[in-house]
PDB file of N, CA and C in Angstrom:
ATOM      1  N   UNK A   1      80.269  70.972 111.379  1.00  0.00           N
ATOM      2  CA  UNK A   1      79.219  69.927 110.946  1.00  0.00           C
ATOM      3  C   UNK A   1      77.712  70.521 110.189  1.00  0.00           C
ATOM      4  N   UNK A   2      77.367  69.979 109.145  1.00  0.00           N
ATOM      5  CA  UNK A   2      76.205  70.313 108.666  1.00  0.00           C
ATOM      6  C   UNK A   2      74.954  69.761 109.676  1.00  0.00           C
ATOM      7  N   UNK A   3      73.854  70.653 108.916  1.00  0.00           N
ATOM      8  CA  UNK A   3      72.488  70.643 109.557  1.00  0.00           C
ATOM      9  C   UNK A   3      71.831  68.933 109.399  1.00  0.00           C
ATOM     10  N   UNK A   4      72.508  68.338 108.222  1.00  0.00           N
ATOM     11  CA  UNK A   4      71.977  67.268 107.912  1.00  0.00           C
ATOM     12  C   UNK A   4      72.623  66.308 109.272  1.00  0.00           C
ATOM     13  N   UNK A   5      73.830  66.353 109.163  1.00  0.00           N
ATOM     14  CA  UNK A   5      74.761  65.636 109.922  1.00  0.00           C
ATOM     15  C   UNK A   5      74.376  65.748 111.803  1.00  0.00           C
ATOM     16  N   UNK A   6      73.877  67.213 112.164  1.00  0.00           N
ATOM     17  CA  UNK A   6      73.446  66.957 113.037  1.00  0.00           C
ATOM     18  C   UNK A   6      72.167  66.397 113.351  1.00  0.00           C
ATOM     19  N   UNK A   7      70.991  66.470 112.240  1.00  0.00           N
ATOM     20  CA  UNK A   7      70.372  65.772 112.551  1.00  0.00           C
ATOM     21  C   UNK A   7      70.157  64.156 112.808  1.00  0.00           C
ATOM     22  N   UNK A   8      71.019  63.617 111.804  1.00  0.00           N
ATOM     23  CA  UNK A   8      71.258  62.413 111.948  1.00  0.00           C
ATOM     24  C   UNK A   8      71.563  61.730 113.289  1.00  0.00           C
ATOM     25  N   UNK A   9      72.337  62.656 114.011  1.00  0.00           N
ATOM     26  CA  UNK A   9      73.363  62.297 115.191  1.00  0.00           C
ATOM     27  C   UNK A   9      72.117  62.810 116.701  1.00  0.00           C
ATOM     28  N   UNK A  10      70.655  63.260 115.884  1.00  0.00           N
ATOM     29  CA  UNK A  10      70.258  64.099 117.481  1.00  0.00           C
ATOM     30  C   UNK A  10      69.012  63.695 116.813  1.00  0.00           C
ATOM     31  N   UNK A  11      68.675  62.627 117.061  1.00  0.00           N
ATOM     32  CA  UNK A  11      66.939  61.937 116.879  1.00  0.00           C
ATOM     33  C   UNK A  11      66.644  62.752 118.572  1.00  0.00           C
ATOM     34  N   UNK A  12      64.993  63.333 118.298  1.00  0.00           N
ATOM     35  CA  UNK A  12      64.343  63.479 119.200  1.00  0.00           C
ATOM     36  C   UNK A  12      63.663  62.681 119.698  1.00  0.00           C
ATOM     37  N   UNK A  13      63.825  61.437 119.729  1.00  0.00           N
ATOM     38  CA  UNK A  13      62.454  60.229 119.979  1.00  0.00           C
ATOM     39  C   UNK A  13      63.800  60.191 121.862  1.00  0.00           C
ATOM     40  N   UNK A  14      64.447  60.602 121.952  1.00  0.00           N
ATOM     41  CA  UNK A  14      64.929  60.073 123.423  1.00  0.00           C
ATOM     42  C   UNK A  14      65.328  61.481 124.259  1.00  0.00           C
ATOM     43  N   UNK A  15      64.459  62.466 124.553  1.00  0.00           N
ATOM     44  CA  UNK A  15      64.858  63.942 125.016  1.00  0.00           C
ATOM     45  C   UNK A  15      64.355  63.055 126.267  1.00  0.00           C
ATOM     46  N   UNK A  16      64.526  63.827 127.027  1.00  0.00           N
ATOM     47  CA  UNK A  16      64.193  63.610 128.553  1.00  0.00           C
ATOM     48  C   UNK A  16      64.887  64.230 130.057  1.00  0.00           C
ATOM     49  N   UNK A  17      64.173  64.975 130.569  1.00  0.00           N
ATOM     50  CA  UNK A  17      64.710  65.731 131.791  1.00  0.00           C
ATOM     51  C   UNK A  17      64.199  65.434 133.236  1.00  0.00           C
ATOM     52  N   UNK A  18      64.963  65.624 133.961  1.00  0.00           N
ATOM     53  CA  UNK A  18      63.970  65.045 135.617  1.00  0.00           C
ATOM     54  C   UNK A  18      64.319  66.562 136.256  1.00  0.00           C
ATOM     55  N   UNK A  19      63.188  66.962 136.616  1.00  0.00           N
ATOM     56  CA  UNK A  19      62.885  68.791 137.401  1.00  0.00           C
ATOM     57  C   UNK A  19      61.962  68.305 139.071  1.00  0.00           C
ATOM     58  N   UNK A  20      62.310  69.359 139.552  1.00  0.00           N
ATOM     59  CA  UNK A  20      61.420  69.628 140.506  1.00  0.00           C
ATOM     60  C   UNK A  20      60.395  70.101 140.353  1.00  0.00           C
ATOM     61  N   UNK A  21      59.333  69.920 140.869  1.00  0.00           N
ATOM     62  CA  UNK A  21      58.162  70.800 140.453  1.00  0.00           C
ATOM     63  C   UNK A  21      57.524  72.079 140.948  1.00  0.00           C
ATOM     64  N   UNK A  22      58.056  71.433 142.591  1.00  0.00           N
ATOM     65  CA  UNK A  22      57.399  72.608 143.386  1.00  0.00           C
ATOM     66  C   UNK A  22      58.232  72.360 144.951  1.00  0.00           C
ATOM     67  N   UNK A  23      58.175  73.071 145.971  1.00  0.00           N
ATOM     68  CA  UNK A  23      58.795  72.859 147.073  1.00  0.00           C
ATOM     69  C   UNK A  23      57.717  72.462 147.996  1.00  0.00           C
ATOM     70  N   UNK A  24      56.582  72.040 147.835  1.00  0.00           N
ATOM     71  CA  UNK A  24      55.887  70.892 148.046  1.00  0.00           C
ATOM     72  C   UNK A  24      56.126  69.562 147.886  1.00  0.00           C
ATOM     73  N   UNK A  25      56.557  69.338 147.521  1.00  0.00           N
ATOM     74  CA  UNK A  25      57.009  67.947 146.531  1.00  0.00           C
ATOM     75  C   UNK A  25      58.051  67.635 146.828  1.00  0.00           C
ATOM     76  N   UNK A  26      58.088  67.301 148.164  1.00  0.00           N
ATOM     77  CA  UNK A  26      59.706  66.649 148.525  1.00  0.00           C
ATOM     78  C   UNK A  26      59.943  65.612 149.242  1.00  0.00           C
ATOM     79  N   UNK A  27      60.630  64.597 149.430  1.00  0.00           N
ATOM     80  CA  UNK A  27      60.841  63.490 150.638  1.00  0.00           C
ATOM     81  C   UNK A  27      60.845  63.732 151.927  1.00  0.00           C
ATOM     82  N   UNK A  28      61.102  63.062 152.841  1.00  0.00           N
ATOM     83  CA  UNK A  28      60.867  63.377 154.316  1.00  0.00           C
ATOM     84  C   UNK A  28      62.095  64.247 155.053  1.00  0.00           C
ATOM     85  N   UNK A  29      63.236  64.343 154.371  1.00  0.00           N
ATOM     86  CA  UNK A  29      64.330  64.879 154.637  1.00  0.00           C
ATOM     87  C   UNK A  29      64.512  67.069 153.663  1.00  0.00           C
ATOM     88  N   UNK A  30      62.831  67.095 153.048  1.00  0.00           N
ATOM     89  CA  UNK A  30      63.361  67.913 152.146  1.00  0.00           C
ATOM     90  C   UNK A  30      64.008  67.811 150.841  1.00  0.00           C
ATOM     91  N   UNK A  31      64.445  67.002 150.709  1.00  0.00           N
ATOM     92  CA  UNK A  31      64.587  67.240 149.151  1.00  0.00           C
ATOM     93  C   UNK A  31      63.690  66.967 148.178  1.00  0.00           C
ATOM     94  N   UNK A  32      63.771  67.720 146.567  1.00  0.00           N
ATOM     95  CA  UNK A  32      63.127  67.500 145.772  1.00  0.00           C
ATOM     96  C   UNK A  32      62.633  66.428 145.556  1.00  0.00           C
ATOM     97  N   UNK A  33      61.579  65.741 144.994  1.00  0.00           N
ATOM     98  CA  UNK A  33      61.323  64.689 144.037  1.00  0.00           C
ATOM     99  C   UNK A  33      61.022  64.825 143.127  1.00  0.00           C
ATOM    100  N   UNK A  34      61.812  64.362 141.878  1.00  0.00           N
ATOM    101  CA  UNK A  34      62.120  64.799 140.397  1.00  0.00           C
ATOM    102  C   UNK A  34      61.142  64.099 139.992  1.00  0.00           C
ATOM    103  N   UNK A  35      60.476  65.246 138.901  1.00  0.00           N
ATOM    104  CA  UNK A  35      59.402  64.334 137.891  1.00  0.00           C
ATOM    105  C   UNK A  35      60.621  64.201 136.900  1.00  0.00           C
ATOM    106  N   UNK A  36      60.301  63.002 135.899  1.00  0.00           N
ATOM    107  CA  UNK A  36      61.113  62.818 134.739  1.00  0.00           C
ATOM    108  C   UNK A  36      59.763  63.322 133.541  1.00  0.00           C
ATOM    109  N   UNK A  37      60.158  64.046 133.025  1.00  0.00           N
ATOM    110  CA  UNK A  37      59.771  64.110 131.703  1.00  0.00           C
ATOM    111  C   UNK A  37      60.236  64.020 130.529  1.00  0.00           C
ATOM    112  N   UNK A  38      59.223  63.915 129.221  1.00  0.00           N
ATOM    113  CA  UNK A  38      60.093  63.534 127.816  1.00  0.00           C
ATOM    114  C   UNK A  38      59.538  64.773 127.031  1.00  0.00           C
ATOM    115  N   UNK A  39      60.572  64.786 125.644  1.00  0.00           N
ATOM    116  CA  UNK A  39      59.960  65.973 124.836  1.00  0.00           C
ATOM    117  C   UNK A  39      58.888  64.596 124.009  1.00  0.00           C
ATOM    118  N   UNK A  40      57.588  65.730 123.961  1.00  0.00           N
ATOM    119  CA  UNK A  40      56.355  65.068 122.863  1.00  0.00           C
ATOM    120  C   UNK A  40      56.753  64.824 121.563  1.00  0.00           C
ATOM    121  N   UNK A  41      56.402  64.247 120.707  1.00  0.00           N
ATOM    122  CA  UNK A  41      56.571  64.064 119.213  1.00  0.00           C
ATOM    123  C   UNK A  41      55.310  65.086 119.046  1.00  0.00           C
ATOM    124  N   UNK A  42      55.484  64.864 117.324  1.00  0.00           N
ATOM    125  CA  UNK A  42      54.015  65.746 117.042  1.00  0.00           C
ATOM    126  C   UNK A  42      53.073  65.048 116.840  1.00  0.00           C
ATOM    127  N   UNK A  43      52.991  64.069 116.898  1.00  0.00           N
ATOM    128  CA  UNK A  43      51.645  63.149 116.911  1.00  0.00           C
ATOM    129  C   UNK A  43      51.170  63.500 118.227  1.00  0.00           C
ATOM    130  N   UNK A  44      52.089  63.300 119.705  1.00  0.00           N
ATOM    131  CA  UNK A  44      51.631  63.303 120.742  1.00  0.00           C
ATOM    132  C   UNK A  44      50.986  64.569 121.153  1.00  0.00           C
ATOM    133  N   UNK A  45      51.928  65.635 120.597  1.00  0.00           N
ATOM    134  CA  UNK A  45      51.654  67.227 120.551  1.00  0.00           C
ATOM    135  C   UNK A  45      50.241  67.024 119.971  1.00  0.00           C
ATOM    136  N   UNK A  46      50.060  66.971 119.026  1.00  0.00           N
ATOM    137  CA  UNK A  46      48.433  67.335 117.760  1.00  0.00           C
ATOM    138  C   UNK A  46      47.716  66.627 118.572  1.00  0.00           C
ATOM    139  N   UNK A  47      48.119  65.355 119.320  1.00  0.00           N
ATOM    140  CA  UNK A  47      46.888  64.430 119.805  1.00  0.00           C
ATOM    141  C   UNK A  47      46.257  65.030 121.668  1.00  0.00           C
ATOM    142  N   UNK A  48      47.174  65.870 122.285  1.00  0.00           N
ATOM    143  CA  UNK A  48      47.139  66.498 123.219  1.00  0.00           C
ATOM    144  C   UNK A  48      45.784  67.717 122.811  1.00  0.00           C
ATOM    145  N   UNK A  49      46.356  68.108 121.996  1.00  0.00           N
ATOM    146  CA  UNK A  49      45.721  69.720 121.224  1.00  0.00           C
ATOM    147  C   UNK A  49      44.139  69.043 120.636  1.00  0.00           C
ATOM    148  N   UNK A  50      44.307  67.620 120.144  1.00  0.00           N
ATOM    149  CA  UNK A  50      43.192  67.508 119.895  1.00  0.00           C
ATOM    150  C   UNK A  50      41.905  66.715 121.273  1.00  0.00           C
ATOM    151  N   UNK A  51      42.452  66.567 122.148  1.00  0.00           N
ATOM    152  CA  UNK A  51      42.034  66.517 123.545  1.00  0.00           C
ATOM    153  C   UNK A  51      41.031  67.643 123.916  1.00  0.00           C
ATOM    154  N   UNK A  52      42.244  68.540 123.352  1.00  0.00           N
ATOM    155  CA  UNK A  52      41.470  69.423 124.209  1.00  0.00           C
ATOM    156  C   UNK A  52      40.148  70.251 123.508  1.00  0.00           C
ATOM    157  N   UNK A  53      40.651  69.774 121.935  1.00  0.00           N
ATOM    158  CA  UNK A  53      39.319  70.687 120.906  1.00  0.00           C
ATOM    159  C   UNK A  53      38.164  69.119 121.159  1.00  0.00           C
ATOM    160  N   UNK A  54      38.264  68.303 122.533  1.00  0.00           N
ATOM    161  CA  UNK A  54      36.774  67.544 122.050  1.00  0.00           C
ATOM    162  C   UNK A  54      36.063  68.341 122.489  1.00  0.00           C
ATOM    163  N   UNK A  55      36.013  68.997 123.413  1.00  0.00           N
ATOM    164  CA  UNK A  55      34.610  69.792 123.768  1.00  0.00           C
ATOM    165  C   UNK A  55      34.207  70.817 122.796  1.00  0.00           C
ATOM    166  N   UNK A  56      33.101  71.369 123.454  1.00  0.00           N
ATOM    167  CA  UNK A  56      32.167  72.671 122.462  1.00  0.00           C
ATOM    168  C   UNK A  56      33.239  73.594 121.748  1.00  0.00           C
ATOM    169  N   UNK A  57      34.028  73.473 122.884  1.00  0.00           N
ATOM    170  CA  UNK A  57      35.012  74.926 122.334  1.00  0.00           C
ATOM    171  C   UNK A  57      36.452  74.453 123.275  1.00  0.00           C
ATOM    172  N   UNK A  58      37.687  75.215 122.844  1.00  0.00           N
ATOM    173  CA  UNK A  58      39.138  74.853 122.867  1.00  0.00           C
ATOM    174  C   UNK A  58      39.595  74.774 124.659  1.00  0.00           C
ATOM    175  N   UNK A  59      39.462  73.948 125.469  1.00  0.00           N
ATOM    176  CA  UNK A  59      39.467  73.600 126.429  1.00  0.00           C
ATOM    177  C   UNK A  59      41.223  74.065 126.994  1.00  0.00           C
ATOM    178  N   UNK A  60      41.567  75.136 127.740  1.00  0.00           N
ATOM    179  CA  UNK A  60      43.371  75.655 128.125  1.00  0.00           C
ATOM    180  C   UNK A  60      43.470  74.303 129.113  1.00  0.00           C
ATOM    181  N   UNK A  61      43.050  73.946 130.610  1.00  0.00           N
ATOM    182  CA  UNK A  61      43.336  72.775 130.959  1.00  0.00           C
ATOM    183  C   UNK A  61      43.132  71.865 130.428  1.00  0.00           C
ATOM    184  N   UNK A  62      42.121  71.282 129.893  1.00  0.00           N
ATOM    185  CA  UNK A  62      42.150  69.861 129.129  1.00  0.00           C
ATOM    186  C   UNK A  62      43.289  70.112 128.108  1.00  0.00           C
ATOM    187  N   UNK A  63      44.093  70.753 127.557  1.00  0.00           N
ATOM    188  CA  UNK A  63      45.182  70.542 126.923  1.00  0.00           C
ATOM    189  C   UNK A  63      46.489  70.519 127.767  1.00  0.00           C
ATOM    190  N   UNK A  64      46.703  71.443 128.944  1.00  0.00           N
ATOM    191  CA  UNK A  64      47.395  70.962 130.035  1.00  0.00           C
ATOM    192  C   UNK A  64      47.108  69.288 130.653  1.00  0.00           C
ATOM    193  N   UNK A  65      45.873  69.123 130.859  1.00  0.00           N
ATOM    194  CA  UNK A  65      46.249  67.960 131.189  1.00  0.00           C
ATOM    195  C   UNK A  65      46.614  66.530 130.483  1.00  0.00           C
ATOM    196  N   UNK A  66      46.112  67.013 129.129  1.00  0.00           N
ATOM    197  CA  UNK A  66      46.447  65.837 128.189  1.00  0.00           C
ATOM    198  C   UNK A  66      48.451  66.077 127.512  1.00  0.00           C
ATOM    199  N   UNK A  67      48.808  67.362 128.003  1.00  0.00           N
ATOM    200  CA  UNK A  67      50.568  67.237 127.755  1.00  0.00           C
ATOM    201  C   UNK A  67      51.141  66.465 129.046  1.00  0.00           C
ATOM    202  N   UNK A  68      50.595  66.734 130.053  1.00  0.00           N
ATOM    203  CA  UNK A  68      51.162  66.185 131.361  1.00  0.00           C
ATOM    204  C   UNK A  68      51.211  64.151 131.266  1.00  0.00           C
ATOM    205  N   UNK A  69      49.637  64.122 130.622  1.00  0.00           N
ATOM    206  CA  UNK A  69      49.311  62.681 130.833  1.00  0.00           C
ATOM    207  C   UNK A  69      50.463  62.175 129.978  1.00  0.00           C
ATOM    208  N   UNK A  70      50.958  62.916 128.444  1.00  0.00           N
ATOM    209  CA  UNK A  70      51.974  62.121 127.407  1.00  0.00           C
ATOM    210  C   UNK A  70      52.836  62.379 127.933  1.00  0.00           C
ATOM    211  N   UNK A  71      53.346  63.446 128.818  1.00  0.00           N
ATOM    212  CA  UNK A  71      55.038  63.761 128.536  1.00  0.00           C
ATOM    213  C   UNK A  71      55.197  63.682 130.145  1.00  0.00           C
ATOM    214  N   UNK A  72      54.882  63.383 130.769  1.00  0.00           N
ATOM    215  CA  UNK A  72      55.430  62.600 132.404  1.00  0.00           C
ATOM    216  C   UNK A  72      55.455  61.463 132.295  1.00  0.00           C
ATOM    217  N   UNK A  73      56.847  60.847 132.491  1.00  0.00           N
ATOM    218  CA  UNK A  73      56.894  59.721 132.726  1.00  0.00           C
ATOM    219  C   UNK A  73      57.073  59.102 134.025  1.00  0.00           C
ATOM    220  N   UNK A  74      57.656  60.149 134.857  1.00  0.00           N
ATOM    221  CA  UNK A  74      57.322  59.824 136.642  1.00  0.00           C
ATOM    222  C   UNK A  74      56.853  60.629 137.378  1.00  0.00           C
ATOM    223  N   UNK A  75      55.712  60.880 138.247  1.00  0.00           N
ATOM    224  CA  UNK A  75      55.385  59.771 138.422  1.00  0.00           C
ATOM    225  C   UNK A  75      54.056  59.357 137.116  1.00  0.00           C
ATOM    226  N   UNK A  76      53.654  58.589 136.985  1.00  0.00           N
ATOM    227  CA  UNK A  76      52.498  58.188 136.300  1.00  0.00           C
ATOM    228  C   UNK A  76      51.656  58.429 136.446  1.00  0.00           C
ATOM    229  N   UNK A  77      50.643  59.237 135.705  1.00  0.00           N
ATOM    230  CA  UNK A  77      49.333  59.779 135.879  1.00  0.00           C
ATOM    231  C   UNK A  77      48.398  59.062 135.328  1.00  0.00           C
ATOM    232  N   UNK A  78      48.686  57.899 134.623  1.00  0.00           N
ATOM    233  CA  UNK A  78      48.316  56.899 134.380  1.00  0.00           C
ATOM    234  C   UNK A  78      47.990  55.534 135.150  1.00  0.00           C
ATOM    235  N   UNK A  79      48.892  55.500 136.159  1.00  0.00           N
ATOM    236  CA  UNK A  79      48.768  54.559 136.977  1.00  0.00           C
ATOM    237  C   UNK A  79      47.416  53.993 137.967  1.00  0.00           C
ATOM    238  N   UNK A  80      46.873  52.613 137.482  1.00  0.00           N
ATOM    239  CA  UNK A  80      45.617  52.360 137.812  1.00  0.00           C
ATOM    240  C   UNK A  80      45.558  52.542 139.309  1.00  0.00           C
ATOM    241  N   UNK A  81      46.919  51.698 140.396  1.00  0.00           N
ATOM    242  CA  UNK A  81      46.653  51.901 141.514  1.00  0.00           C
ATOM    243  C   UNK A  81      47.014  52.920 142.004  1.00  0.00           C
ATOM    244  N   UNK A  82      47.183  53.839 141.793  1.00  0.00           N
ATOM    245  CA  UNK A  82      47.653  55.145 142.204  1.00  0.00           C
ATOM    246  C   UNK A  82      46.208  56.403 141.906  1.00  0.00           C
ATOM    247  N   UNK A  83      45.254  55.841 140.573  1.00  0.00           N
ATOM    248  CA  UNK A  83      43.853  56.437 140.654  1.00  0.00           C
ATOM    249  C   UNK A  83      43.017  56.085 141.504  1.00  0.00           C
ATOM    250  N   UNK A  84      42.956  54.586 142.085  1.00  0.00           N
ATOM    251  CA  UNK A  84      42.285  53.958 142.728  1.00  0.00           C
ATOM    252  C   UNK A  84      42.630  54.808 144.405  1.00  0.00           C
ATOM    253  N   UNK A  85      43.789  55.006 144.532  1.00  0.00           N
ATOM    254  CA  UNK A  85      43.951  55.125 145.934  1.00  0.00           C
ATOM    255  C   UNK A  85      43.614  56.443 146.477  1.00  0.00           C
ATOM    256  N   UNK A  86      43.450  57.337 145.214  1.00  0.00           N
ATOM    257  CA  UNK A  86      42.809  58.590 145.736  1.00  0.00           C
ATOM    258  C   UNK A  86      41.301  58.697 145.192  1.00  0.00           C
ATOM    259  N   UNK A  87      40.601  58.028 144.767  1.00  0.00           N
ATOM    260  CA  UNK A  87      39.501  57.683 144.382  1.00  0.00           C
ATOM    261  C   UNK A  87      39.369  58.411 143.097  1.00  0.00           C
ATOM    262  N   UNK A  88      40.580  58.724 142.264  1.00  0.00           N
ATOM    263  CA  UNK A  88      39.819  59.149 140.600  1.00  0.00           C
ATOM    264  C   UNK A  88      39.495  57.858 139.780  1.00  0.00           C
ATOM    265  N   UNK A  89      38.917  58.420 138.481  1.00  0.00           N
ATOM    266  CA  UNK A  89      38.612  57.497 137.655  1.00  0.00           C
ATOM    267  C   UNK A  89      38.888  57.994 136.451  1.00  0.00           C
ATOM    268  N   UNK A  90      39.796  58.960 136.294  1.00  0.00           N
ATOM    269  CA  UNK A  90      40.465  59.054 135.425  1.00  0.00           C
ATOM    270  C   UNK A  90      42.456  60.062 135.332  1.00  0.00           C
ATOM    271  N   UNK A  91      43.070  60.008 134.938  1.00  0.00           N
ATOM    272  CA  UNK A  91      44.236  60.196 134.973  1.00  0.00           C
ATOM    273  C   UNK A  91      43.990  61.993 134.799  1.00  0.00           C
ATOM    274  N   UNK A  92      42.878  62.503 134.184  1.00  0.00           N
ATOM    275  CA  UNK A  92      42.921  63.791 134.106  1.00  0.00           C
ATOM    276  C   UNK A  92      42.003  64.147 135.835  1.00  0.00           C
ATOM    277  N   UNK A  93      41.672  63.510 135.966  1.00  0.00           N
ATOM    278  CA  UNK A  93      40.872  63.540 137.786  1.00  0.00           C
ATOM    279  C   UNK A  93      41.892  63.183 139.036  1.00  0.00           C
ATOM    280  N   UNK A  94      42.678  62.652 138.349  1.00  0.00           N
ATOM    281  CA  UNK A  94      43.720  62.071 139.515  1.00  0.00           C
ATOM    282  C   UNK A  94      44.399  63.039 139.511  1.00  0.00           C
ATOM    283  N   UNK A  95      45.304  64.030 138.357  1.00  0.00           N
ATOM    284  CA  UNK A  95      45.615  65.237 138.205  1.00  0.00           C
ATOM    285  C   UNK A  95      45.354  66.336 138.814  1.00  0.00           C
ATOM    286  N   UNK A  96      43.966  66.367 139.287  1.00  0.00           N
ATOM    287  CA  UNK A  96      43.226  67.361 140.047  1.00  0.00           C
ATOM    288  C   UNK A  96      43.301  67.301 141.097  1.00  0.00           C
ATOM    289  N   UNK A  97      43.567  66.274 141.679  1.00  0.00           N
ATOM    290  CA  UNK A  97      43.603  65.735 142.655  1.00  0.00           C
ATOM    291  C   UNK A  97      45.125  65.762 143.781  1.00  0.00           C
ATOM    292  N   UNK A  98      45.756  65.441 142.804  1.00  0.00           N
ATOM    293  CA  UNK A  98      47.177  65.574 143.950  1.00  0.00           C
ATOM    294  C   UNK A  98      48.387  66.861 143.334  1.00  0.00           C
ATOM    295  N   UNK A  99      47.929  67.348 142.625  1.00  0.00           N
ATOM    296  CA  UNK A  99      48.818  68.417 141.864  1.00  0.00           C
ATOM    297  C   UNK A  99      47.660  69.822 142.237  1.00  0.00           C
ATOM    298  N   UNK A 100      48.499  70.808 142.768  1.00  0.00           N
ATOM    299  CA  UNK A 100      47.884  72.437 142.551  1.00  0.00           C
ATOM    300  C   UNK A 100      48.147  72.822 141.443  1.00  0.00           C
ATOM    301  N   UNK A 101      47.086  73.861 141.164  1.00  0.00           N
ATOM    302  CA  UNK A 101      46.973  74.497 139.936  1.00  0.00           C
ATOM    303  C   UNK A 101      48.646  74.944 139.058  1.00  0.00           C
ATOM    304  N   UNK A 102      49.165  75.717 140.295  1.00  0.00           N
ATOM    305  CA  UNK A 102      50.165  75.788 139.705  1.00  0.00           C
ATOM    306  C   UNK A 102      51.006  75.384 139.417  1.00  0.00           C
ATOM    307  N   UNK A 103      51.305  74.202 139.795  1.00  0.00           N
ATOM    308  CA  UNK A 103      52.093  73.021 139.761  1.00  0.00           C
ATOM    309  C   UNK A 103      51.352  72.071 138.271  1.00  0.00           C
ATOM    310  N   UNK A 104      49.983  72.045 138.411  1.00  0.00           N
ATOM    311  CA  UNK A 104      50.168  71.699 136.906  1.00  0.00           C
ATOM    312  C   UNK A 104      50.661  72.627 136.032  1.00  0.00           C
ATOM    313  N   UNK A 105      50.167  73.884 135.670  1.00  0.00           N
ATOM    314  CA  UNK A 105      50.767  74.943 134.832  1.00  0.00           C
ATOM    315  C   UNK A 105      52.324  74.883 134.629  1.00  0.00           C
ATOM    316  N   UNK A 106      53.036  74.267 135.447  1.00  0.00           N
ATOM    317  CA  UNK A 106      54.441  74.356 135.572  1.00  0.00           C
ATOM    318  C   UNK A 106      54.709  73.305 134.901  1.00  0.00           C
ATOM    319  N   UNK A 107      54.347  71.982 135.242  1.00  0.00           N
ATOM    320  CA  UNK A 107      54.830  70.632 134.624  1.00  0.00           C
ATOM    321  C   UNK A 107      54.268  71.021 133.073  1.00  0.00           C
ATOM    322  N   UNK A 108      53.056  71.374 132.838  1.00  0.00           N
ATOM    323  CA  UNK A 108      52.711  71.412 131.240  1.00  0.00           C
ATOM    324  C   UNK A 108      54.220  72.106 130.755  1.00  0.00           C
ATOM    325  N   UNK A 109      54.014  73.490 131.104  1.00  0.00           N
ATOM    326  CA  UNK A 109      55.065  74.158 130.752  1.00  0.00           C
ATOM    327  C   UNK A 109      56.370  74.026 130.553  1.00  0.00           C
ATOM    328  N   UNK A 110      57.117  73.019 131.373  1.00  0.00           N
ATOM    329  CA  UNK A 110      58.421  72.117 131.328  1.00  0.00           C
ATOM    330  C   UNK A 110      58.267  71.512 130.052  1.00  0.00           C
ATOM    331  N   UNK A 111      57.340  71.104 129.941  1.00  0.00           N
ATOM    332  CA  UNK A 111      56.633  69.426 128.808  1.00  0.00           C
ATOM    333  C   UNK A 111      56.955  70.171 127.655  1.00  0.00           C
ATOM    334  N   UNK A 112      56.523  71.635 127.167  1.00  0.00           N
ATOM    335  CA  UNK A 112      56.442  72.230 126.151  1.00  0.00           C
ATOM    336  C   UNK A 112      57.334  72.768 126.415  1.00  0.00           C
ATOM    337  N   UNK A 113      58.395  72.785 127.196  1.00  0.00           N
ATOM    338  CA  UNK A 113      59.502  73.354 126.802  1.00  0.00           C
ATOM    339  C   UNK A 113      60.854  72.839 126.388  1.00  0.00           C
ATOM    340  N   UNK A 114      60.732  71.524 127.105  1.00  0.00           N
ATOM    341  CA  UNK A 114      61.801  70.392 126.569  1.00  0.00           C
ATOM    342  C   UNK A 114      61.170  69.910 124.784  1.00  0.00           C
ATOM    343  N   UNK A 115      59.982  70.443 124.727  1.00  0.00           N
ATOM    344  CA  UNK A 115      59.679  70.067 122.957  1.00  0.00           C
ATOM    345  C   UNK A 115      59.805  70.731 122.725  1.00  0.00           C
ATOM    346  N   UNK A 116      60.710  71.764 122.793  1.00  0.00           N
ATOM    347  CA  UNK A 116      61.298  73.009 121.368  1.00  0.00           C
ATOM    348  C   UNK A 116      60.018  73.822 121.579  1.00  0.00           C
ATOM    349  N   UNK A 117      59.322  74.231 122.408  1.00  0.00           N
ATOM    350  CA  UNK A 117      58.125  75.605 122.536  1.00  0.00           C
ATOM    351  C   UNK A 117      58.879  76.451 123.242  1.00  0.00           C
ATOM    352  N   UNK A 118      59.264  77.726 122.707  1.00  0.00           N
ATOM    353  CA  UNK A 118      60.110  79.011 123.325  1.00  0.00           C
ATOM    354  C   UNK A 118      61.334  78.273 123.297  1.00  0.00           C
ATOM    355  N   UNK A 119      61.939  78.034 122.476  1.00  0.00           N
ATOM    356  CA  UNK A 119      63.346  77.937 122.342  1.00  0.00           C
ATOM    357  C   UNK A 119      63.861  78.901 121.482  1.00  0.00           C
ATOM    358  N   UNK A 120      64.701  80.144 122.034  1.00  0.00           N
ATOM    359  CA  UNK A 120      64.772  81.078 121.441  1.00  0.00           C
ATOM    360  C   UNK A 120      65.898  80.723 120.316  1.00  0.00           C
ATOM    361  N   UNK A 121      66.513  79.620 120.712  1.00  0.00           N
ATOM    362  CA  UNK A 121      67.714  79.647 119.797  1.00  0.00           C
ATOM    363  C   UNK A 121      67.752  79.518 118.293  1.00  0.00           C
TER     364      UNK A 121
END
């Protein structure tokens, strides 16, 4: 198979994964609740970078939030009912209220990983 044939058969707009995020996020019998993430397109990645640069200086946390909002399909951090349920005004505020710092970093890292960053092949 040539590189061209491989690329034609392997589009990047349908790459998904389901991941456990932490031992804290489990159902009532202790089974991990999976987060469904997707690979970001270049436009989504650039949008996340732009969101992080919107302030006076580059903001690593803003970049992580933007990655999560764009790359996590389930749960949705944009769900209006969920924002209201926890008293959050924005998806970023919702993330801060429901995920621990390490969970935020891990989820952002997993989204980058599935998007091809850190792939040494």
